[in-house]
Amino acid sequence: MKSLPQLFANNENWRHDIEKAHPGFFKALGEQQSPEFLWIGCADSRVPANEVVGLMPGELFVHRNVANLVNHTDLNLLSVLQFAVDVLKVKHIMVVGHYGCGGVKASMEDAPHGLIDNWLRQVRELYLRNRRALKELGDPKAQLDRMCELNVARQVINVSNTTVVQEAWRRDQPLTIHGWIYGIGDGRLQDLDIMVENNGQLRELENNEYGNYDG
């Protein structure tokens, strides 16, 4: 007897619905994947990547972790990134945060959280650099929302500076990095007007209100 039978029942219903609406879908999907997009998002269960942007399986390559971070020592992230850029030839990388992110919130608190504090170290440092300006916003929710936006911008800068992206740009491979944020409370996806497709735009981002937001 299967454990968690409801999940298997859900799967049966899902695959039959897909096949009914798109005959031959899974056969074609099994033969190749050719997504144009890589989504780097938070592991939060309330942010389902494909559903948020209305894309079918095979149309969106996805990497998720706590607080949608791009760490240059994270071999998991870097392996996904290299496969997406060098093999799948994605044209767009979306770094997608969300308002009310628990990881970002934890990085703003002056209290230990255990192992996760090591993972969130760069977000904590981002917060400390911007704490004075954030406090001017007053409302704690507004501060958290702004930190979530700043974190997205920081990760766009980080992914743009990876050797994978730098090498792609060096060989003139079309590749654009986007910074987006999602509202769990209303389901709305917003473009933060952060878009980088070359080193000139990257340097501008590093020096604008996001890259140099320190009050």
N, C-alpha and C. Protein backbone atom coordinates (compact mmCIF):
# COMPACT_ATOMS: atom_id res chain seq x y z
N MET A 1 0.85 -1.20 0.00
CA MET A 1 0.00 0.00 0.00
C MET A 1 0.88 1.25 0.00
N LYS A 2 0.55 2.18 -0.86
CA LYS A 2 1.34 3.41 -0.94
C LYS A 2 1.12 4.26 0.30
N SER A 3 2.21 4.89 0.75
CA SER A 3 2.05 5.90 1.78
C SER A 3 1.58 7.18 1.10
N LEU A 4 0.92 8.05 1.87
CA LEU A 4 0.39 9.31 1.34
C LEU A 4 -0.42 9.08 0.06
N PRO A 5 -1.43 8.23 0.11
CA PRO A 5 -2.20 7.90 -1.10
C PRO A 5 -2.85 9.09 -1.78
N GLN A 6 -3.21 10.12 -1.03
CA GLN A 6 -3.87 11.27 -1.63
C GLN A 6 -2.97 11.97 -2.64
N LEU A 7 -1.66 11.99 -2.33
CA LEU A 7 -0.74 12.64 -3.26
C LEU A 7 -0.62 11.87 -4.56
N PHE A 8 -0.67 10.54 -4.48
CA PHE A 8 -0.63 9.74 -5.71
C PHE A 8 -1.93 9.88 -6.48
N ALA A 9 -3.04 10.00 -5.77
CA ALA A 9 -4.32 10.23 -6.44
C ALA A 9 -4.32 11.58 -7.14
N ASN A 10 -3.76 12.58 -6.46
CA ASN A 10 -3.64 13.91 -7.07
C ASN A 10 -2.81 13.85 -8.35
N ASN A 11 -1.74 13.06 -8.29
CA ASN A 11 -0.88 12.92 -9.47
C ASN A 11 -1.62 12.29 -10.64
N GLU A 12 -2.41 11.26 -10.35
CA GLU A 12 -3.19 10.62 -11.41
C GLU A 12 -4.14 11.62 -12.06
N ASN A 13 -4.84 12.38 -11.23
CA ASN A 13 -5.77 13.37 -11.76
C ASN A 13 -5.05 14.43 -12.59
N TRP A 14 -3.89 14.86 -12.08
CA TRP A 14 -3.12 15.91 -12.76
C TRP A 14 -2.64 15.45 -14.12
N ARG A 15 -2.05 14.26 -14.17
CA ARG A 15 -1.50 13.81 -15.45
C ARG A 15 -2.59 13.52 -16.47
N HIS A 16 -3.73 13.02 -16.01
CA HIS A 16 -4.83 12.78 -16.95
C HIS A 16 -5.40 14.09 -17.47
N ASP A 17 -5.47 15.10 -16.60
CA ASP A 17 -5.97 16.41 -17.03
C ASP A 17 -5.03 17.04 -18.06
N ILE A 18 -3.73 16.92 -17.81
CA ILE A 18 -2.75 17.48 -18.75
C ILE A 18 -2.84 16.76 -20.10
N GLU A 19 -2.89 15.44 -20.06
CA GLU A 19 -2.91 14.68 -21.31
C GLU A 19 -4.20 14.92 -22.09
N LYS A 20 -5.30 15.12 -21.36
CA LYS A 20 -6.57 15.41 -22.03
C LYS A 20 -6.53 16.77 -22.74
N ALA A 21 -5.95 17.75 -22.05
CA ALA A 21 -5.87 19.09 -22.64
C ALA A 21 -4.79 19.20 -23.70
N HIS A 22 -3.73 18.42 -23.54
CA HIS A 22 -2.59 18.48 -24.48
C HIS A 22 -2.18 17.06 -24.84
N PRO A 23 -2.89 16.40 -25.75
CA PRO A 23 -2.55 15.02 -26.12
C PRO A 23 -1.10 14.88 -26.56
N GLY A 24 -0.43 13.87 -26.05
CA GLY A 24 0.97 13.63 -26.40
C GLY A 24 1.96 14.48 -25.64
N PHE A 25 1.47 15.24 -24.65
CA PHE A 25 2.34 16.18 -23.94
C PHE A 25 3.51 15.47 -23.27
N PHE A 26 3.25 14.40 -22.52
CA PHE A 26 4.32 13.77 -21.75
C PHE A 26 5.30 13.03 -22.65
N LYS A 27 4.82 12.48 -23.76
CA LYS A 27 5.74 11.83 -24.70
C LYS A 27 6.74 12.86 -25.25
N ALA A 28 6.23 14.02 -25.65
CA ALA A 28 7.11 15.07 -26.18
C ALA A 28 8.03 15.60 -25.09
N LEU A 29 7.49 15.73 -23.87
CA LEU A 29 8.30 16.25 -22.76
C LEU A 29 9.45 15.31 -22.43
N GLY A 30 9.21 14.01 -22.57
CA GLY A 30 10.24 13.04 -22.25
C GLY A 30 11.39 13.03 -23.22
N GLU A 31 11.19 13.61 -24.39
CA GLU A 31 12.23 13.58 -25.42
C GLU A 31 13.22 14.72 -25.30
N GLN A 32 12.82 15.83 -24.67
CA GLN A 32 13.74 16.96 -24.53
C GLN A 32 13.16 17.99 -23.58
N GLN A 33 14.03 18.87 -23.09
CA GLN A 33 13.58 20.08 -22.41
C GLN A 33 14.34 21.25 -23.02
N SER A 34 13.61 22.31 -23.29
CA SER A 34 14.25 23.48 -23.90
C SER A 34 13.65 24.77 -23.33
N PRO A 35 13.76 24.95 -22.02
CA PRO A 35 13.21 26.17 -21.42
C PRO A 35 14.06 27.39 -21.77
N GLU A 36 13.40 28.52 -21.83
CA GLU A 36 14.13 29.77 -22.07
C GLU A 36 14.41 30.51 -20.77
N PHE A 37 13.89 29.98 -19.66
CA PHE A 37 13.93 30.72 -18.41
C PHE A 37 14.52 29.88 -17.27
N LEU A 38 15.33 30.53 -16.45
CA LEU A 38 15.78 29.95 -15.18
C LEU A 38 15.22 30.81 -14.06
N TRP A 39 14.52 30.18 -13.14
CA TRP A 39 13.93 30.84 -11.97
C TRP A 39 14.78 30.52 -10.76
N ILE A 40 15.34 31.53 -10.12
CA ILE A 40 16.04 31.35 -8.84
C ILE A 40 15.16 31.97 -7.78
N GLY A 41 14.52 31.13 -6.99
CA GLY A 41 13.53 31.63 -6.04
C GLY A 41 13.70 31.06 -4.65
N CYS A 42 12.80 31.46 -3.78
CA CYS A 42 12.81 31.00 -2.40
C CYS A 42 12.17 29.62 -2.31
N ALA A 43 12.60 28.84 -1.33
CA ALA A 43 12.04 27.51 -1.12
C ALA A 43 10.67 27.53 -0.47
N ASP A 44 10.17 28.70 -0.13
CA ASP A 44 8.86 28.83 0.52
C ASP A 44 7.79 28.10 -0.28
N SER A 45 7.02 27.25 0.41
CA SER A 45 6.02 26.42 -0.26
C SER A 45 4.87 27.23 -0.86
N ARG A 46 4.77 28.49 -0.48
CA ARG A 46 3.67 29.34 -0.98
C ARG A 46 4.02 30.05 -2.28
N VAL A 47 5.20 29.76 -2.83
CA VAL A 47 5.63 30.42 -4.06
C VAL A 47 5.94 29.36 -5.12
N PRO A 48 4.90 28.79 -5.74
CA PRO A 48 5.10 27.75 -6.75
C PRO A 48 5.51 28.36 -8.09
N ALA A 49 6.73 28.16 -8.49
CA ALA A 49 7.30 28.88 -9.62
C ALA A 49 6.47 28.77 -10.91
N ASN A 50 6.24 27.55 -11.39
CA ASN A 50 5.52 27.40 -12.65
C ASN A 50 4.14 28.03 -12.62
N GLU A 51 3.42 27.82 -11.51
CA GLU A 51 2.05 28.33 -11.42
C GLU A 51 2.02 29.85 -11.40
N VAL A 52 3.00 30.46 -10.73
CA VAL A 52 3.03 31.92 -10.61
C VAL A 52 3.08 32.59 -11.98
N VAL A 53 3.85 32.01 -12.90
CA VAL A 53 4.00 32.60 -14.23
C VAL A 53 3.23 31.85 -15.30
N GLY A 54 2.42 30.88 -14.89
CA GLY A 54 1.55 30.20 -15.84
C GLY A 54 2.27 29.41 -16.91
N LEU A 55 3.37 28.75 -16.55
CA LEU A 55 4.13 27.96 -17.53
C LEU A 55 3.97 26.47 -17.25
N MET A 56 4.02 25.70 -18.29
CA MET A 56 3.87 24.25 -18.20
C MET A 56 5.20 23.59 -17.83
N PRO A 57 5.17 22.34 -17.38
CA PRO A 57 6.41 21.60 -17.18
C PRO A 57 7.26 21.62 -18.44
N GLY A 58 8.56 21.84 -18.27
CA GLY A 58 9.46 21.90 -19.41
C GLY A 58 9.74 23.30 -19.89
N GLU A 59 8.97 24.29 -19.38
CA GLU A 59 9.15 25.65 -19.85
C GLU A 59 9.93 26.53 -18.88
N LEU A 60 10.19 26.02 -17.69
CA LEU A 60 10.86 26.82 -16.66
C LEU A 60 11.82 25.93 -15.88
N PHE A 61 13.11 26.27 -15.94
CA PHE A 61 14.13 25.57 -15.14
C PHE A 61 14.19 26.27 -13.79
N VAL A 62 14.23 25.51 -12.70
CA VAL A 62 14.02 26.10 -11.38
C VAL A 62 15.11 25.69 -10.39
N HIS A 63 15.58 26.70 -9.64
CA HIS A 63 16.41 26.46 -8.47
C HIS A 63 15.82 27.25 -7.31
N ARG A 64 15.65 26.58 -6.16
CA ARG A 64 15.05 27.26 -5.01
C ARG A 64 15.87 26.97 -3.76
N ASN A 65 16.00 27.98 -2.92
CA ASN A 65 16.65 27.80 -1.63
C ASN A 65 16.09 28.84 -0.66
N VAL A 66 16.45 28.76 0.60
CA VAL A 66 15.95 29.70 1.59
C VAL A 66 16.42 31.11 1.25
N ALA A 67 15.49 32.02 1.06
CA ALA A 67 15.73 33.45 0.79
C ALA A 67 16.32 33.73 -0.58
N ASN A 68 16.15 32.78 -1.53
CA ASN A 68 16.59 32.97 -2.93
C ASN A 68 18.00 33.57 -3.05
N LEU A 69 18.96 32.91 -2.40
CA LEU A 69 20.32 33.44 -2.37
C LEU A 69 21.19 32.88 -3.50
N VAL A 70 22.13 33.71 -3.93
CA VAL A 70 23.16 33.29 -4.87
C VAL A 70 24.49 33.45 -4.16
N ASN A 71 25.00 32.35 -3.64
CA ASN A 71 26.30 32.34 -2.95
C ASN A 71 27.34 31.75 -3.89
N HIS A 72 28.48 32.39 -3.97
CA HIS A 72 29.51 31.95 -4.91
C HIS A 72 30.22 30.67 -4.48
N THR A 73 29.90 30.17 -3.29
CA THR A 73 30.44 28.89 -2.83
C THR A 73 29.39 27.79 -2.88
N ASP A 74 28.21 28.08 -3.36
CA ASP A 74 27.11 27.12 -3.41
C ASP A 74 27.20 26.32 -4.71
N LEU A 75 27.79 25.12 -4.62
CA LEU A 75 27.99 24.31 -5.82
C LEU A 75 26.68 23.82 -6.42
N ASN A 76 25.67 23.68 -5.59
CA ASN A 76 24.35 23.30 -6.10
C ASN A 76 23.82 24.38 -7.03
N LEU A 77 23.77 25.60 -6.55
CA LEU A 77 23.31 26.73 -7.36
C LEU A 77 24.17 26.90 -8.61
N LEU A 78 25.48 26.85 -8.45
CA LEU A 78 26.37 27.07 -9.58
C LEU A 78 26.23 25.98 -10.64
N SER A 79 25.98 24.75 -10.20
CA SER A 79 25.78 23.65 -11.16
C SER A 79 24.49 23.83 -11.95
N VAL A 80 23.43 24.24 -11.25
CA VAL A 80 22.16 24.53 -11.93
C VAL A 80 22.35 25.67 -12.92
N LEU A 81 23.04 26.71 -12.48
CA LEU A 81 23.27 27.88 -13.33
C LEU A 81 24.06 27.51 -14.57
N GLN A 82 25.13 26.74 -14.39
CA GLN A 82 25.95 26.37 -15.55
C GLN A 82 25.17 25.51 -16.53
N PHE A 83 24.40 24.55 -16.02
CA PHE A 83 23.61 23.70 -16.91
C PHE A 83 22.58 24.54 -17.67
N ALA A 84 21.94 25.46 -16.95
CA ALA A 84 20.92 26.29 -17.58
C ALA A 84 21.51 27.17 -18.68
N VAL A 85 22.66 27.76 -18.42
CA VAL A 85 23.26 28.72 -19.35
C VAL A 85 24.04 28.01 -20.45
N ASP A 86 24.88 27.06 -20.09
CA ASP A 86 25.78 26.44 -21.06
C ASP A 86 25.13 25.33 -21.87
N VAL A 87 24.20 24.59 -21.26
CA VAL A 87 23.60 23.45 -21.95
C VAL A 87 22.22 23.79 -22.50
N LEU A 88 21.34 24.30 -21.62
CA LEU A 88 19.98 24.62 -22.05
C LEU A 88 19.89 25.93 -22.83
N LYS A 89 20.91 26.78 -22.67
CA LYS A 89 20.96 28.08 -23.36
C LYS A 89 19.75 28.95 -23.02
N VAL A 90 19.40 29.00 -21.73
CA VAL A 90 18.29 29.88 -21.34
C VAL A 90 18.65 31.31 -21.71
N LYS A 91 17.63 32.11 -21.97
CA LYS A 91 17.84 33.50 -22.36
C LYS A 91 17.57 34.47 -21.22
N HIS A 92 16.86 33.98 -20.19
CA HIS A 92 16.49 34.86 -19.08
C HIS A 92 16.66 34.13 -17.75
N ILE A 93 17.26 34.83 -16.79
CA ILE A 93 17.36 34.34 -15.42
C ILE A 93 16.59 35.30 -14.53
N MET A 94 15.59 34.79 -13.85
CA MET A 94 14.79 35.62 -12.96
C MET A 94 15.13 35.28 -11.51
N VAL A 95 15.63 36.27 -10.79
CA VAL A 95 15.81 36.13 -9.34
C VAL A 95 14.53 36.64 -8.72
N VAL A 96 13.81 35.76 -8.03
CA VAL A 96 12.47 36.09 -7.56
C VAL A 96 12.38 35.93 -6.04
N GLY A 97 12.27 37.06 -5.35
CA GLY A 97 12.03 37.03 -3.92
C GLY A 97 10.54 37.14 -3.64
N HIS A 98 10.19 37.21 -2.37
CA HIS A 98 8.79 37.42 -2.03
C HIS A 98 8.70 38.24 -0.75
N TYR A 99 7.66 39.04 -0.68
CA TYR A 99 7.43 39.86 0.51
C TYR A 99 7.13 38.94 1.71
N GLY A 100 7.59 39.39 2.87
CA GLY A 100 7.38 38.61 4.09
C GLY A 100 8.27 37.39 4.20
N CYS A 101 9.38 37.36 3.47
CA CYS A 101 10.28 36.20 3.48
C CYS A 101 10.81 35.91 4.88
N GLY A 102 10.60 34.69 5.36
CA GLY A 102 11.04 34.33 6.70
C GLY A 102 12.55 34.35 6.85
N GLY A 103 13.26 33.98 5.78
CA GLY A 103 14.71 34.00 5.85
C GLY A 103 15.24 35.41 5.99
N VAL A 104 14.69 36.33 5.20
CA VAL A 104 15.11 37.74 5.29
C VAL A 104 14.75 38.29 6.67
N LYS A 105 13.57 37.96 7.16
CA LYS A 105 13.15 38.42 8.48
C LYS A 105 14.10 37.94 9.56
N ALA A 106 14.51 36.68 9.48
CA ALA A 106 15.44 36.13 10.46
C ALA A 106 16.77 36.87 10.44
N SER A 107 17.21 37.28 9.25
CA SER A 107 18.49 37.98 9.13
C SER A 107 18.44 39.37 9.75
N MET A 108 17.25 39.90 9.97
CA MET A 108 17.09 41.24 10.54
C MET A 108 16.95 41.21 12.06
N GLU A 109 16.86 40.03 12.63
CA GLU A 109 16.63 39.89 14.06
C GLU A 109 17.94 39.72 14.82
N ASP A 110 18.06 40.41 15.94
CA ASP A 110 19.26 40.30 16.76
C ASP A 110 19.14 39.14 17.73
N ALA A 111 18.97 37.96 17.17
CA ALA A 111 18.82 36.74 17.97
C ALA A 111 19.33 35.57 17.15
N PRO A 112 19.90 34.55 17.80
CA PRO A 112 20.41 33.39 17.07
C PRO A 112 19.27 32.50 16.56
N HIS A 113 19.49 31.90 15.40
CA HIS A 113 18.49 31.01 14.82
C HIS A 113 19.09 29.63 14.50
N GLY A 114 20.30 29.40 14.92
CA GLY A 114 20.92 28.11 14.67
C GLY A 114 21.67 28.06 13.35
N LEU A 115 21.65 26.89 12.73
CA LEU A 115 22.42 26.65 11.51
C LEU A 115 22.10 27.64 10.40
N ILE A 116 20.84 28.03 10.30
CA ILE A 116 20.42 28.90 9.21
C ILE A 116 21.16 30.24 9.22
N ASP A 117 21.66 30.66 10.38
CA ASP A 117 22.38 31.94 10.44
C ASP A 117 23.61 31.94 9.54
N ASN A 118 24.22 30.77 9.37
CA ASN A 118 25.38 30.68 8.47
C ASN A 118 24.96 30.90 7.02
N TRP A 119 23.85 30.32 6.64
CA TRP A 119 23.36 30.47 5.27
C TRP A 119 22.96 31.92 5.00
N LEU A 120 22.38 32.58 6.00
CA LEU A 120 21.85 33.93 5.83
C LEU A 120 22.88 35.02 6.09
N ARG A 121 24.13 34.67 6.26
CA ARG A 121 25.15 35.64 6.65
C ARG A 121 25.19 36.84 5.70
N GLN A 122 25.15 36.61 4.41
CA GLN A 122 25.25 37.74 3.47
C GLN A 122 24.02 38.64 3.55
N VAL A 123 22.84 38.07 3.86
CA VAL A 123 21.64 38.89 4.01
C VAL A 123 21.74 39.71 5.30
N ARG A 124 22.28 39.10 6.34
CA ARG A 124 22.50 39.81 7.59
C ARG A 124 23.43 41.00 7.38
N GLU A 125 24.50 40.79 6.64
CA GLU A 125 25.44 41.88 6.37
C GLU A 125 24.79 42.98 5.53
N LEU A 126 23.94 42.58 4.59
CA LEU A 126 23.20 43.57 3.79
C LEU A 126 22.29 44.40 4.69
N TYR A 127 21.63 43.74 5.62
CA TYR A 127 20.75 44.44 6.56
C TYR A 127 21.54 45.41 7.43
N LEU A 128 22.67 44.97 7.96
CA LEU A 128 23.46 45.83 8.85
C LEU A 128 23.96 47.07 8.12
N ARG A 129 24.31 46.91 6.85
CA ARG A 129 24.76 48.07 6.07
C ARG A 129 23.65 49.07 5.83
N ASN A 130 22.42 48.60 5.86
CA ASN A 130 21.29 49.45 5.52
C ASN A 130 20.33 49.69 6.68
N ARG A 131 20.73 49.27 7.88
CA ARG A 131 19.81 49.33 9.02
C ARG A 131 19.33 50.75 9.31
N ARG A 132 20.23 51.72 9.23
CA ARG A 132 19.85 53.10 9.57
C ARG A 132 18.79 53.62 8.59
N ALA A 133 19.00 53.40 7.31
CA ALA A 133 18.03 53.85 6.31
C ALA A 133 16.71 53.10 6.44
N LEU A 134 16.78 51.82 6.73
CA LEU A 134 15.56 51.04 6.88
C LEU A 134 14.72 51.52 8.06
N LYS A 135 15.38 51.90 9.15
CA LYS A 135 14.65 52.36 10.33
C LYS A 135 13.87 53.63 10.04
N GLU A 136 14.32 54.41 9.07
CA GLU A 136 13.60 55.62 8.70
C GLU A 136 12.24 55.33 8.10
N LEU A 137 12.05 54.08 7.64
CA LEU A 137 10.74 53.70 7.10
C LEU A 137 9.71 53.51 8.20
N GLY A 138 10.18 53.32 9.43
CA GLY A 138 9.29 53.22 10.58
C GLY A 138 8.65 51.86 10.73
N ASP A 139 7.60 51.60 9.99
CA ASP A 139 6.82 50.38 10.13
C ASP A 139 7.67 49.13 9.88
N PRO A 140 7.66 48.15 10.81
CA PRO A 140 8.46 46.93 10.63
C PRO A 140 8.13 46.18 9.34
N LYS A 141 6.86 46.16 8.95
CA LYS A 141 6.49 45.48 7.70
C LYS A 141 7.13 46.17 6.50
N ALA A 142 7.12 47.50 6.51
CA ALA A 142 7.73 48.25 5.41
C ALA A 142 9.23 47.99 5.37
N GLN A 143 9.85 47.88 6.53
CA GLN A 143 11.28 47.58 6.58
C GLN A 143 11.57 46.21 6.00
N LEU A 144 10.76 45.22 6.38
CA LEU A 144 10.95 43.87 5.86
C LEU A 144 10.73 43.83 4.35
N ASP A 145 9.68 44.49 3.88
CA ASP A 145 9.41 44.51 2.45
C ASP A 145 10.58 45.11 1.68
N ARG A 146 11.12 46.20 2.20
CA ARG A 146 12.25 46.85 1.54
C ARG A 146 13.49 45.94 1.56
N MET A 147 13.69 45.25 2.66
CA MET A 147 14.83 44.33 2.73
C MET A 147 14.68 43.20 1.73
N CYS A 148 13.46 42.73 1.54
CA CYS A 148 13.22 41.68 0.55
C CYS A 148 13.58 42.17 -0.85
N GLU A 149 13.26 43.43 -1.14
CA GLU A 149 13.61 44.02 -2.43
C GLU A 149 15.12 44.18 -2.56
N LEU A 150 15.75 44.67 -1.50
CA LEU A 150 17.21 44.84 -1.52
C LEU A 150 17.92 43.51 -1.70
N ASN A 151 17.36 42.47 -1.10
CA ASN A 151 17.97 41.15 -1.23
C ASN A 151 17.88 40.64 -2.66
N VAL A 152 16.75 40.87 -3.32
CA VAL A 152 16.63 40.48 -4.73
C VAL A 152 17.70 41.19 -5.56
N ALA A 153 17.83 42.50 -5.35
CA ALA A 153 18.83 43.26 -6.11
C ALA A 153 20.24 42.73 -5.85
N ARG A 154 20.53 42.41 -4.59
CA ARG A 154 21.86 41.89 -4.25
C ARG A 154 22.12 40.57 -4.96
N GLN A 155 21.10 39.72 -5.06
CA GLN A 155 21.28 38.42 -5.69
C GLN A 155 21.38 38.55 -7.21
N VAL A 156 20.71 39.55 -7.79
CA VAL A 156 20.90 39.82 -9.21
C VAL A 156 22.35 40.20 -9.49
N ILE A 157 22.90 41.05 -8.62
CA ILE A 157 24.31 41.42 -8.74
C ILE A 157 25.21 40.20 -8.59
N ASN A 158 24.88 39.35 -7.62
CA ASN A 158 25.70 38.16 -7.39
C ASN A 158 25.68 37.21 -8.58
N VAL A 159 24.50 36.94 -9.12
CA VAL A 159 24.42 36.01 -10.24
C VAL A 159 25.09 36.60 -11.48
N SER A 160 24.99 37.91 -11.65
CA SER A 160 25.62 38.56 -12.79
C SER A 160 27.14 38.49 -12.72
N ASN A 161 27.67 38.42 -11.51
CA ASN A 161 29.12 38.37 -11.32
C ASN A 161 29.70 36.96 -11.32
N THR A 162 28.85 35.94 -11.45
CA THR A 162 29.37 34.58 -11.49
C THR A 162 30.18 34.37 -12.77
N THR A 163 31.12 33.45 -12.72
CA THR A 163 31.91 33.15 -13.91
C THR A 163 31.03 32.61 -15.03
N VAL A 164 29.96 31.90 -14.68
CA VAL A 164 29.06 31.34 -15.70
C VAL A 164 28.45 32.46 -16.54
N VAL A 165 27.89 33.46 -15.87
CA VAL A 165 27.25 34.56 -16.59
C VAL A 165 28.29 35.43 -17.29
N GLN A 166 29.39 35.69 -16.61
CA GLN A 166 30.44 36.51 -17.23
C GLN A 166 30.98 35.87 -18.51
N GLU A 167 31.17 34.56 -18.48
CA GLU A 167 31.65 33.87 -19.68
C GLU A 167 30.60 33.90 -20.79
N ALA A 168 29.33 33.79 -20.44
CA ALA A 168 28.26 33.85 -21.44
C ALA A 168 28.25 35.21 -22.13
N TRP A 169 28.36 36.26 -21.34
CA TRP A 169 28.40 37.60 -21.93
C TRP A 169 29.65 37.80 -22.77
N ARG A 170 30.75 37.21 -22.34
CA ARG A 170 32.02 37.37 -23.07
C ARG A 170 31.92 36.75 -24.46
N ARG A 171 31.14 35.69 -24.59
CA ARG A 171 30.97 35.07 -25.92
C ARG A 171 29.71 35.57 -26.63
N ASP A 172 29.15 36.69 -26.11
CA ASP A 172 27.99 37.35 -26.72
C ASP A 172 26.75 36.47 -26.77
N GLN A 173 26.62 35.59 -25.78
CA GLN A 173 25.40 34.78 -25.67
C GLN A 173 24.29 35.65 -25.07
N PRO A 174 23.12 35.72 -25.71
CA PRO A 174 22.03 36.54 -25.16
C PRO A 174 21.58 36.00 -23.80
N LEU A 175 21.70 36.83 -22.77
CA LEU A 175 21.35 36.39 -21.43
C LEU A 175 21.02 37.62 -20.58
N THR A 176 19.80 37.67 -20.07
CA THR A 176 19.34 38.80 -19.28
C THR A 176 18.96 38.34 -17.89
N ILE A 177 19.40 39.09 -16.88
CA ILE A 177 19.08 38.79 -15.49
C ILE A 177 18.02 39.77 -15.02
N HIS A 178 16.97 39.26 -14.40
CA HIS A 178 15.86 40.09 -13.95
C HIS A 178 15.69 39.98 -12.44
N GLY A 179 15.22 41.05 -11.81
CA GLY A 179 14.89 41.04 -10.40
C GLY A 179 13.40 41.26 -10.20
N TRP A 180 12.71 40.24 -9.67
CA TRP A 180 11.26 40.28 -9.47
C TRP A 180 10.93 39.98 -8.01
N ILE A 181 9.71 40.32 -7.63
CA ILE A 181 9.26 39.99 -6.27
C ILE A 181 7.78 39.62 -6.30
N TYR A 182 7.41 38.69 -5.44
CA TYR A 182 6.07 38.11 -5.43
C TYR A 182 5.37 38.44 -4.12
N GLY A 183 4.07 38.75 -4.21
CA GLY A 183 3.28 39.01 -3.03
C GLY A 183 2.43 37.80 -2.68
N ILE A 184 2.75 37.13 -1.59
CA ILE A 184 2.00 35.94 -1.20
C ILE A 184 0.55 36.30 -0.88
N GLY A 185 0.33 37.48 -0.31
CA GLY A 185 -1.00 37.87 0.10
C GLY A 185 -1.96 38.17 -1.04
N ASP A 186 -1.44 38.50 -2.23
CA ASP A 186 -2.33 38.82 -3.35
C ASP A 186 -1.96 38.08 -4.64
N GLY A 187 -0.89 37.30 -4.61
CA GLY A 187 -0.51 36.52 -5.78
C GLY A 187 0.10 37.33 -6.91
N ARG A 188 0.45 38.58 -6.63
CA ARG A 188 0.94 39.46 -7.68
C ARG A 188 2.46 39.38 -7.81
N LEU A 189 2.92 39.23 -9.04
CA LEU A 189 4.34 39.22 -9.36
C LEU A 189 4.71 40.61 -9.87
N GLN A 190 5.75 41.20 -9.30
CA GLN A 190 6.15 42.55 -9.69
C GLN A 190 7.58 42.58 -10.21
N ASP A 191 7.78 43.34 -11.24
CA ASP A 191 9.12 43.61 -11.76
C ASP A 191 9.69 44.79 -10.98
N LEU A 192 10.86 44.61 -10.39
CA LEU A 192 11.49 45.68 -9.62
C LEU A 192 12.28 46.63 -10.52
N ASP A 193 12.06 46.53 -11.82
CA ASP A 193 12.79 47.36 -12.79
C ASP A 193 14.29 47.15 -12.68
N ILE A 194 14.66 45.91 -12.40
CA ILE A 194 16.06 45.52 -12.35
C ILE A 194 16.28 44.55 -13.51
N MET A 195 17.09 44.95 -14.47
CA MET A 195 17.37 44.11 -15.63
C MET A 195 18.81 44.33 -16.05
N VAL A 196 19.57 43.25 -16.14
CA VAL A 196 20.99 43.34 -16.46
C VAL A 196 21.30 42.39 -17.60
N GLU A 197 21.88 42.91 -18.67
CA GLU A 197 22.26 42.04 -19.79
C GLU A 197 23.68 42.28 -20.27
N ASN A 198 24.44 43.09 -19.51
CA ASN A 198 25.86 43.29 -19.83
C ASN A 198 26.54 43.92 -18.61
N ASN A 199 27.84 44.01 -18.67
CA ASN A 199 28.58 44.53 -17.52
C ASN A 199 28.37 46.02 -17.29
N GLY A 200 28.07 46.75 -18.34
CA GLY A 200 27.77 48.17 -18.15
C GLY A 200 26.55 48.37 -17.28
N GLN A 201 25.49 47.61 -17.57
CA GLN A 201 24.28 47.69 -16.76
C GLN A 201 24.51 47.15 -15.35
N LEU A 202 25.37 46.16 -15.23
CA LEU A 202 25.71 45.62 -13.91
C LEU A 202 26.37 46.69 -13.05
N ARG A 203 27.32 47.43 -13.60
CA ARG A 203 28.01 48.47 -12.84
C ARG A 203 27.03 49.57 -12.42
N GLU A 204 26.07 49.88 -13.29
CA GLU A 204 25.05 50.87 -12.94
C GLU A 204 24.22 50.39 -11.76
N LEU A 205 23.83 49.12 -11.79
CA LEU A 205 23.04 48.57 -10.69
C LEU A 205 23.83 48.58 -9.39
N GLU A 206 25.12 48.25 -9.48
CA GLU A 206 25.95 48.23 -8.28
C GLU A 206 26.07 49.61 -7.64
N ASN A 207 25.88 50.65 -8.43
CA ASN A 207 26.05 52.01 -7.94
C ASN A 207 24.75 52.77 -7.73
N ASN A 208 23.59 52.12 -8.01
CA ASN A 208 22.34 52.86 -7.87
C ASN A 208 21.73 52.64 -6.49
N GLU A 209 20.44 52.95 -6.34
CA GLU A 209 19.79 52.90 -5.04
C GLU A 209 19.77 51.50 -4.44
N TYR A 210 19.83 50.48 -5.29
CA TYR A 210 19.86 49.11 -4.77
C TYR A 210 21.26 48.69 -4.36
N GLY A 211 22.19 48.87 -5.27
CA GLY A 211 23.55 48.40 -4.99
C GLY A 211 24.27 49.21 -3.94
N ASN A 212 23.84 50.46 -3.74
CA ASN A 212 24.55 51.33 -2.81
C ASN A 212 23.58 51.98 -1.84
N TYR A 213 22.64 51.19 -1.33
CA TYR A 213 21.59 51.69 -0.44
C TYR A 213 22.06 51.56 1.01
N ASP A 214 22.68 52.60 1.50
CA ASP A 214 23.22 52.52 2.86
C ASP A 214 22.86 53.74 3.70
N GLY A 215 21.82 54.46 3.28
CA GLY A 215 21.35 55.61 4.06
C GLY A 215 22.26 56.79 4.00
